[in-house]
C-alpha cells in the first residue's frame, strides 16, 4: 500500500494565484458582478459539494446513480475493452467506481480536478482499491489546454466522463466549445455525460435551497476562499445565498446578495456594493433531450444512447464522436 502511494504521479497544471486574481477582478468589476464557478472547488468547497450530493432535496446525484446502475452493463458492452477513461471534474471519484468495476480491461483512468489536495486523496484511494489499474491524476482547470498523460498500455479509444449536471454550468456557447474540446481529445471514442432535464421549477428550487443550508455554505465558501488566497476582506455575514429559476432562460441562477451598502477590498482595489446587489456565482442550465442532442451535434458528437429515470428528472447519455 505504501509503495502504491509513493509511485502515484500527479500532473500539476493548476491555475496560479495570478490567474485566480485576474479572473476574480475581471468578474467583480463588470455589471452584473460575477465570479467563475470553477473556483468553488478548493478542498473545503469540494467537501461541501460532496455533502450537497447526499441531500434528500438534491435529486441529481441519487437519480444519476440509479440510472448508472441500470445501464452500466449495457455501456460496458457498447464500449468494449482497452479504453482509457478520462474524467472531467472528478471530485471524490465515487461515481466512477461503478465504471471501474464494470468496464472491460480498462487501460487507465485519468481523473482531472482543480482541487489538488482533494484530487490527491481521491486518486490515492482509487490506486489502492484498484491496484491493477493505472491511475494518472491531473490537477487542472479542465476547460484549459493541457496534454493528457500517456498510460503504459496501448489505448484503443479514449472515453470522456463528465457526470453530474456540470455541463449546465456553462453558458450554451461555452458548453459547445467545451464539448468540442472533448471531441478533439476523444476523437474516435466518445463521452459519457450527465445532463439535467427540464422539470417543475419547485423541484429545482428545493434542490438549490436546501433547508440544512449546505448549499448556502458552499456558495459563501467562495468568498472565504478569496479572503484566504487573495487577502480580500469580504464580510461573509453581510452576504446571503440566493438561488432562483429563470424560466425564460431555462436555468437556475445562484447569487450572493449584499445585505447592505459596503466596500470590499482586494489589494488596493475598492469594489463597492449597493444594498441588494449580487454576485452571480453560478448558472445551471436544464435541457430537454432534443435541445441537448442539437448541442451535442453542433459540438461534433451524436447521441448514441440516452438513459433516463422514470420521472425524466435526469439523463445519462453516451455521445460518440462524429
Foldseek 3Di string as FASTA:
>chain_A
DVVLLVPADEAEPADDLVVQVVQQVVQLPDPQRAHELLLLDAPVLLVLVVVLLPDPLQPQNVFVLVLCVVCLQVVLVVQDEQEEEEEEACRLVPSVVSNVVHHHHYQAYEYEGQHVVRQSVSQSVVCVVCVVHRYYYYHYNLQDDDDDDDGPDDGPWYEYEYEDQVLQQDDLVSSLSSLLVVCVVGPVHWYKYKAFADDDQVSVVCSQCPPVCSNFVSVLVSVVVCCVSQVKDDDSVQWTWDWGADVVQQKIWIWIFGQAWDWMDGPNDIRTDHHGRIYTYTIGHHHDPVVVQVSNVSSFWHFPDWTGDPVRRMIITITHGD
